C-alpha atoms as a PDB file:
ATOM      1  CA  MET A   1    -229.313 187.118   3.360  1.00  0.00           C
ATOM      2  CA  ASP A   2    -232.282 184.746   2.990  1.00  0.00           C
ATOM      3  CA  THR A   3    -235.148 185.291   5.416  1.00  0.00           C
ATOM      4  CA  PRO A   4    -236.378 181.755   6.077  1.00  0.00           C
ATOM      5  CA  LEU A   5    -240.061 181.007   5.652  1.00  0.00           C
ATOM      6  CA  SER A   6    -241.926 179.574   8.610  1.00  0.00           C
ATOM      7  CA  PHE A   7    -240.964 175.945   9.090  1.00  0.00           C
ATOM      8  CA  ASP A   8    -243.208 173.379  10.758  1.00  0.00           C
ATOM      9  CA  PRO A   9    -240.853 171.006  12.626  1.00  0.00           C
ATOM     10  CA  THR A  10    -243.451 168.208  12.608  1.00  0.00           C
ATOM     11  CA  LEU A  11    -242.900 167.907   8.857  1.00  0.00           C
ATOM     12  CA  THR A  12    -239.488 166.373   9.439  1.00  0.00           C
ATOM     13  CA  ASP A  13    -241.069 163.270  10.978  1.00  0.00           C
ATOM     14  CA  ALA A  14    -243.622 162.951   8.173  1.00  0.00           C
ATOM     15  CA  TYR A  15    -240.996 163.289   5.428  1.00  0.00           C
ATOM     16  CA  ARG A  16    -238.647 160.879   7.183  1.00  0.00           C
ATOM     17  CA  ALA A  17    -240.883 158.020   6.018  1.00  0.00           C
ATOM     18  CA  LEU A  18    -240.870 159.116   2.355  1.00  0.00           C
ATOM     19  CA  SER A  19    -238.312 158.434  -0.361  1.00  0.00           C
ATOM     20  CA  THR A  20    -236.726 161.122  -2.493  1.00  0.00           C
ATOM     21  CA  SER A  21    -237.886 159.246  -5.603  1.00  0.00           C
ATOM     22  CA  LEU A  22    -241.544 159.673  -4.588  1.00  0.00           C
ATOM     23  CA  ILE A  23    -240.952 163.306  -3.675  1.00  0.00           C
ATOM     24  CA  SER A  24    -239.224 163.905  -7.015  1.00  0.00           C
ATOM     25  CA  ASP A  25    -242.118 162.323  -8.906  1.00  0.00           C
ATOM     26  CA  ASN A  26    -244.468 164.848  -7.292  1.00  0.00           C
ATOM     27  CA  LEU A  27    -242.179 167.764  -8.180  1.00  0.00           C
ATOM     28  CA  ASP A  28    -242.428 166.944 -11.891  1.00  0.00           C
ATOM     29  CA  ARG A  29    -239.027 165.194 -11.656  1.00  0.00           C
ATOM     30  CA  LEU A  30    -237.339 168.574 -12.013  1.00  0.00           C
ATOM     31  CA  THR A  31    -236.087 169.190  -8.470  1.00  0.00           C
ATOM     32  CA  GLY A  32    -233.061 167.617  -6.812  1.00  0.00           C
ATOM     33  CA  ALA A  33    -229.296 167.705  -6.619  1.00  0.00           C
ATOM     34  CA  VAL A  34    -227.260 165.682  -9.097  1.00  0.00           C
ATOM     35  CA  GLY A  35    -223.929 164.007  -8.363  1.00  0.00           C
ATOM     36  CA  LEU A  36    -223.990 163.806  -4.561  1.00  0.00           C
ATOM     37  CA  ARG A  37    -223.942 160.472  -2.730  1.00  0.00           C
ATOM     38  CA  ALA A  38    -224.374 159.162   0.781  1.00  0.00           C
ATOM     39  CA  LEU A  39    -221.074 158.618   2.572  1.00  0.00           C
ATOM     40  CA  HIS A  40    -222.442 157.354   5.892  1.00  0.00           C
ATOM     41  CA  ALA A  41    -223.862 154.094   7.188  1.00  0.00           C
ATOM     42  CA  THR A  42    -227.586 154.928   7.187  1.00  0.00           C
ATOM     43  CA  PRO A  43    -228.548 157.046   4.164  1.00  0.00           C
ATOM     44  CA  ARG A  44    -231.557 158.989   5.469  1.00  0.00           C
ATOM     45  CA  LEU A  45    -231.428 162.692   6.297  1.00  0.00           C
ATOM     46  CA  VAL A  46    -234.223 165.161   7.060  1.00  0.00           C
ATOM     47  CA  GLY A  47    -233.817 168.644   8.537  1.00  0.00           C
ATOM     48  CA  ARG A  48    -233.782 172.389   8.007  1.00  0.00           C
ATOM     49  CA  ALA A  49    -231.104 173.792   5.694  1.00  0.00           C
ATOM     50  CA  PHE A  50    -228.431 176.072   7.102  1.00  0.00           C
ATOM     51  CA  THR A  51    -226.794 177.323   3.930  1.00  0.00           C
ATOM     52  CA  VAL A  52    -223.111 178.119   3.372  1.00  0.00           C
ATOM     53  CA  LYS A  53    -221.308 179.434   0.295  1.00  0.00           C
ATOM     54  CA  THR A  54    -217.539 179.071   0.325  1.00  0.00           C
ATOM     55  CA  ARG A  55    -214.594 179.439  -1.991  1.00  0.00           C
ATOM     56  CA  PRO A  56    -213.643 176.041  -3.439  1.00  0.00           C
ATOM     57  CA  GLY A  57    -211.263 174.260  -1.085  1.00  0.00           C
ATOM     58  CA  ASP A  58    -211.837 176.683   1.824  1.00  0.00           C
ATOM     59  CA  ASN A  59    -213.886 175.792   4.913  1.00  0.00           C
ATOM     60  CA  LEU A  60    -213.687 178.942   7.083  1.00  0.00           C
ATOM     61  CA  PHE A  61    -217.401 179.650   6.686  1.00  0.00           C
ATOM     62  CA  VAL A  62    -218.256 175.985   7.217  1.00  0.00           C
ATOM     63  CA  HIS A  63    -216.651 176.318  10.652  1.00  0.00           C
ATOM     64  CA  LEU A  64    -218.775 179.416  11.250  1.00  0.00           C
ATOM     65  CA  ALA A  65    -221.913 177.531  10.248  1.00  0.00           C
ATOM     66  CA  LEU A  66    -221.208 174.766  12.763  1.00  0.00           C
ATOM     67  CA  ASP A  67    -221.360 177.357  15.544  1.00  0.00           C
ATOM     68  CA  LEU A  68    -224.412 179.203  14.216  1.00  0.00           C
ATOM     69  CA  ALA A  69    -226.638 176.306  13.115  1.00  0.00           C
ATOM     70  CA  ALA A  70    -229.291 175.006  15.487  1.00  0.00           C
ATOM     71  CA  PRO A  71    -229.776 171.395  16.604  1.00  0.00           C
ATOM     72  CA  GLY A  72    -231.505 169.441  13.864  1.00  0.00           C
ATOM     73  CA  ASP A  73    -230.185 171.687  11.074  1.00  0.00           C
ATOM     74  CA  VAL A  74    -228.490 170.324   7.955  1.00  0.00           C
ATOM     75  CA  VAL A  75    -225.365 172.272   6.995  1.00  0.00           C
ATOM     76  CA  VAL A  76    -225.636 172.704   3.214  1.00  0.00           C
ATOM     77  CA  VAL A  77    -222.372 173.807   1.594  1.00  0.00           C
ATOM     78  CA  ASP A  78    -221.984 175.215  -1.912  1.00  0.00           C
ATOM     79  CA  ALA A  79    -218.302 174.788  -2.769  1.00  0.00           C
ATOM     80  CA  GLY A  80    -218.836 175.016  -6.499  1.00  0.00           C
ATOM     81  CA  GLY A  81    -218.546 171.262  -6.956  1.00  0.00           C
ATOM     82  CA  ASP A  82    -214.770 171.408  -6.564  1.00  0.00           C
ATOM     83  CA  VAL A  83    -213.346 168.163  -5.138  1.00  0.00           C
ATOM     84  CA  THR A  84    -209.654 169.028  -4.896  1.00  0.00           C
ATOM     85  CA  ASN A  85    -209.674 169.757  -1.161  1.00  0.00           C
ATOM     86  CA  ALA A  86    -211.896 168.224   1.509  1.00  0.00           C
ATOM     87  CA  LEU A  87    -214.075 170.707   3.402  1.00  0.00           C
ATOM     88  CA  VAL A  88    -214.916 168.535   6.428  1.00  0.00           C
ATOM     89  CA  GLY A  89    -213.423 165.515   8.155  1.00  0.00           C
ATOM     90  CA  GLU A  90    -213.724 163.551  11.363  1.00  0.00           C
ATOM     91  CA  ILE A  91    -213.035 166.441  13.751  1.00  0.00           C
ATOM     92  CA  MET A  92    -215.736 168.637  12.235  1.00  0.00           C
ATOM     93  CA  ARG A  93    -218.097 165.683  12.035  1.00  0.00           C
ATOM     94  CA  ARG A  94    -217.652 164.970  15.735  1.00  0.00           C
ATOM     95  CA  TYR A  95    -218.167 168.628  16.623  1.00  0.00           C
ATOM     96  CA  ALA A  96    -221.327 168.876  14.492  1.00  0.00           C
ATOM     97  CA  GLU A  97    -222.667 165.670  16.010  1.00  0.00           C
ATOM     98  CA  ARG A  98    -221.935 166.955  19.527  1.00  0.00           C
ATOM     99  CA  ARG A  99    -223.917 170.123  18.760  1.00  0.00           C
ATOM    100  CA  GLY A 100    -226.905 168.051  17.608  1.00  0.00           C
ATOM    101  CA  LEU A 101    -226.776 168.954  13.926  1.00  0.00           C
ATOM    102  CA  ALA A 102    -228.555 166.553  11.604  1.00  0.00           C
ATOM    103  CA  GLY A 103    -225.906 166.218   8.906  1.00  0.00           C
ATOM    104  CA  PHE A 104    -223.947 167.658   5.997  1.00  0.00           C
ATOM    105  CA  VAL A 105    -224.844 168.182   2.341  1.00  0.00           C
ATOM    106  CA  ILE A 106    -221.679 169.295   0.555  1.00  0.00           C
ATOM    107  CA  ASP A 107    -221.217 170.097  -3.115  1.00  0.00           C
ATOM    108  CA  GLY A 108    -217.528 169.332  -2.735  1.00  0.00           C
ATOM    109  CA  ALA A 109    -215.321 166.757  -1.036  1.00  0.00           C
ATOM    110  CA  ILE A 110    -214.890 165.333   2.462  1.00  0.00           C
ATOM    111  CA  ARG A 111    -212.109 163.284   4.019  1.00  0.00           C
ATOM    112  CA  ASP A 112    -211.796 160.659   6.788  1.00  0.00           C
ATOM    113  CA  ALA A 113    -214.354 158.772   4.747  1.00  0.00           C
ATOM    114  CA  ASP A 114    -214.011 155.552   6.754  1.00  0.00           C
ATOM    115  CA  THR A 115    -215.208 157.272   9.928  1.00  0.00           C
ATOM    116  CA  PHE A 116    -218.277 158.582   8.099  1.00  0.00           C
ATOM    117  CA  ALA A 117    -218.981 155.172   6.588  1.00  0.00           C
ATOM    118  CA  GLN A 118    -218.876 153.500   9.990  1.00  0.00           C
ATOM    119  CA  GLY A 119    -221.087 156.040  11.747  1.00  0.00           C
ATOM    120  CA  ASN A 120    -224.653 157.301  11.669  1.00  0.00           C
ATOM    121  CA  PHE A 121    -223.990 161.029  11.225  1.00  0.00           C
ATOM    122  CA  GLN A 122    -225.473 161.729   7.812  1.00  0.00           C
ATOM    123  CA  CYS A 123    -223.232 163.177   5.117  1.00  0.00           C
ATOM    124  CA  PHE A 124    -223.947 163.599   1.417  1.00  0.00           C
ATOM    125  CA  ALA A 125    -221.061 164.888  -0.690  1.00  0.00           C
ATOM    126  CA  ARG A 126    -219.695 164.826  -4.217  1.00  0.00           C
ATOM    127  CA  ALA A 127    -216.389 163.048  -3.546  1.00  0.00           C
ATOM    128  CA  VAL A 128    -213.581 162.167  -1.131  1.00  0.00           C
ATOM    129  CA  SER A 129    -210.143 163.779  -1.018  1.00  0.00           C
ATOM    130  CA  HIS A 130    -207.264 163.319   1.430  1.00  0.00           C
ATOM    131  CA  ARG A 131    -206.165 166.910   0.810  1.00  0.00           C
ATOM    132  CA  GLY A 132    -207.198 169.265   3.609  1.00  0.00           C
ATOM    133  CA  PRO A 133    -208.890 172.667   3.318  1.00  0.00           C
ATOM    134  CA  TYR A 134    -207.768 176.265   3.573  1.00  0.00           C
ATOM    135  CA  LYS A 135    -209.267 178.667   6.113  1.00  0.00           C
ATOM    136  CA  ASN A 136    -209.018 182.077   4.484  1.00  0.00           C
ATOM    137  CA  GLY A 137    -212.534 182.800   3.181  1.00  0.00           C
ATOM    138  CA  PRO A 138    -214.383 184.495   1.697  1.00  0.00           C
ATOM    139  CA  GLY A 139    -217.850 183.043   2.131  1.00  0.00           C
ATOM    140  CA  THR A 140    -221.439 183.631   3.170  1.00  0.00           C
ATOM    141  CA  VAL A 141    -224.032 182.003   5.418  1.00  0.00           C
ATOM    142  CA  ARG A 142    -227.842 182.006   5.271  1.00  0.00           C
ATOM    143  CA  GLU A 143    -227.997 182.911   1.574  1.00  0.00           C
ATOM    144  CA  ALA A 144    -229.378 180.934  -1.358  1.00  0.00           C
ATOM    145  CA  VAL A 145    -226.873 178.421  -2.762  1.00  0.00           C
ATOM    146  CA  SER A 146    -226.633 175.969  -5.640  1.00  0.00           C
ATOM    147  CA  ILE A 147    -226.059 172.304  -4.806  1.00  0.00           C
ATOM    148  CA  GLY A 148    -225.640 169.911  -7.714  1.00  0.00           C
ATOM    149  CA  GLY A 149    -227.787 172.131  -9.923  1.00  0.00           C
ATOM    150  CA  MET A 150    -230.474 172.595  -7.244  1.00  0.00           C
ATOM    151  CA  THR A 151    -231.178 175.930  -5.550  1.00  0.00           C
ATOM    152  CA  VAL A 152    -231.346 175.686  -1.765  1.00  0.00           C
ATOM    153  CA  HIS A 153    -232.644 178.550   0.364  1.00  0.00           C
ATOM    154  CA  HIS A 154    -231.759 178.945   4.017  1.00  0.00           C
ATOM    155  CA  GLY A 155    -234.587 177.269   5.933  1.00  0.00           C
ATOM    156  CA  ASP A 156    -235.633 174.834   3.195  1.00  0.00           C
ATOM    157  CA  LEU A 157    -236.575 171.321   4.206  1.00  0.00           C
ATOM    158  CA  ILE A 158    -233.801 168.915   3.171  1.00  0.00           C
ATOM    159  CA  VAL A 159    -234.733 165.298   2.462  1.00  0.00           C
ATOM    160  CA  ALA A 160    -231.958 162.937   1.381  1.00  0.00           C
ATOM    161  CA  ASP A 161    -231.532 159.191   1.040  1.00  0.00           C
ATOM    162  CA  GLY A 162    -229.634 156.660  -1.043  1.00  0.00           C
ATOM    163  CA  ASP A 163    -231.220 158.029  -4.227  1.00  0.00           C
ATOM    164  CA  GLY A 164    -230.286 161.683  -3.763  1.00  0.00           C
ATOM    165  CA  VAL A 165    -230.952 165.040  -2.118  1.00  0.00           C
ATOM    166  CA  ILE A 166    -234.025 167.280  -2.450  1.00  0.00           C
ATOM    167  CA  ALA A 167    -234.733 170.746  -1.011  1.00  0.00           C
ATOM    168  CA  ILE A 168    -238.360 171.699  -0.400  1.00  0.00           C
ATOM    169  CA  ARG A 169    -239.583 175.228   0.211  1.00  0.00           C
ATOM    170  CA  PRO A 170    -241.525 175.380   3.504  1.00  0.00           C
ATOM    171  CA  ASP A 171    -244.548 177.017   1.854  1.00  0.00           C
ATOM    172  CA  VAL A 172    -245.074 173.982  -0.418  1.00  0.00           C
ATOM    173  CA  ALA A 173    -244.021 171.261   2.036  1.00  0.00           C
ATOM    174  CA  THR A 174    -247.487 170.653   3.504  1.00  0.00           C
ATOM    175  CA  PRO A 175    -249.509 170.344   0.250  1.00  0.00           C
ATOM    176  CA  LEU A 176    -246.659 168.353  -1.303  1.00  0.00           C
ATOM    177  CA  LEU A 177    -246.703 165.955   1.641  1.00  0.00           C
ATOM    178  CA  ALA A 178    -250.295 164.930   0.912  1.00  0.00           C
ATOM    179  CA  ARG A 179    -249.469 164.158  -2.729  1.00  0.00           C
ATOM    180  CA  VAL A 180    -246.386 162.139  -1.833  1.00  0.00           C
ATOM    181  CA  GLN A 181    -248.267 160.143   0.779  1.00  0.00           C
ATOM    182  CA  ALA A 182    -250.934 159.369  -1.833  1.00  0.00           C
ATOM    183  CA  SER A 183    -248.176 158.157  -4.174  1.00  0.00           C
ATOM    184  CA  LEU A 184    -246.808 155.940  -1.422  1.00  0.00           C
ATOM    185  CA  ALA A 185    -250.237 154.398  -0.866  1.00  0.00           C
ATOM    186  CA  TYR A 186    -250.572 153.759  -4.615  1.00  0.00           C
ATOM    187  CA  GLU A 187    -247.155 152.092  -4.838  1.00  0.00           C
ATOM    188  CA  THR A 188    -247.885 150.009  -1.744  1.00  0.00           C
ATOM    189  CA  GLU A 189    -251.001 148.709  -3.476  1.00  0.00           C
ATOM    190  CA  LEU A 190    -248.987 147.865  -6.607  1.00  0.00           C
ATOM    191  CA  MET A 191    -246.535 145.886  -4.468  1.00  0.00           C
ATOM    192  CA  ARG A 192    -249.450 143.973  -2.963  1.00  0.00           C
ATOM    193  CA  GLN A 193    -250.795 143.187  -6.427  1.00  0.00           C
ATOM    194  CA  ILE A 194    -247.384 141.902  -7.523  1.00  0.00           C
ATOM    195  CA  SER A 195    -247.080 139.681  -4.448  1.00  0.00           C
ATOM    196  CA  VAL A 196    -250.432 137.966  -5.131  1.00  0.00           C
ATOM    197  CA  GLY A 197    -250.128 137.785  -8.940  1.00  0.00           C
ATOM    198  CA  GLU A 198    -252.729 140.465  -9.699  1.00  0.00           C
ATOM    199  CA  PHE A 199    -250.457 143.105 -11.228  1.00  0.00           C
ATOM    200  CA  ASP A 200    -252.229 144.546 -14.290  1.00  0.00           C
ATOM    201  CA  ARG A 201    -249.900 144.756 -17.297  1.00  0.00           C
ATOM    202  CA  SER A 202    -252.625 144.996 -19.937  1.00  0.00           C
ATOM    203  CA  TRP A 203    -251.419 148.449 -20.983  1.00  0.00           C
ATOM    204  CA  LEU A 204    -248.493 146.632 -22.660  1.00  0.00           C
ATOM    205  CA  ASN A 205    -250.654 144.219 -24.652  1.00  0.00           C
ATOM    206  CA  ASP A 206    -250.389 146.004 -28.016  1.00  0.00           C
ATOM    207  CA  LEU A 207    -246.653 146.509 -27.724  1.00  0.00           C
ATOM    208  CA  ARG A 208    -246.084 142.929 -26.577  1.00  0.00           C
ATOM    209  CA  ALA A 209    -248.069 141.622 -29.534  1.00  0.00           C
ATOM    210  CA  LYS A 210    -245.789 143.465 -31.967  1.00  0.00           C
ATOM    211  CA  HIS A 211    -242.641 141.923 -30.504  1.00  0.00           C
ATOM    212  CA  GLN A 212    -243.611 138.323 -29.772  1.00  0.00           C
END
């Protein structure tokens, strides 16, 4: 079982204003899940990971996680990327929302997709399937999992938006935050330069000259 590192809850507010693309750029573009997409109305999710590993197509331990996770947690489910059977649907979504959980990140399928698309409870998953789950186990909670090729430890900071899902270890979240905020300031300045016609493209001069 993972022993979570100390997590500063104020980081969730700071990271809520930052895109996963900027975060990825400051993690050498090596970190992040591949193949998951937002299936809800407002694609922005930040919270602490509550990790679940389950047999493909079986959601017994996902049900357990919904009772054990704390308000603000993101239930992160490693189902091996299998999309044959949905692991959560509207009933589980409503229960998770009632308990104050922040959202789902599922390397597998969901169903009742229309209800997710019309609501604000955040859900990132690999696919949609009308076929329901089994409830036999086995599974684990609070252990390291693999989500779309990304390792997620119980207690990691999850940041997800329309571009993807990233897990950040709590011990690097604070120094990383400063670098990402600096990147945001730099990009904001580039946008200003574009808007007033001052965007410097001189670094392309030699290449442009060869192709004119």
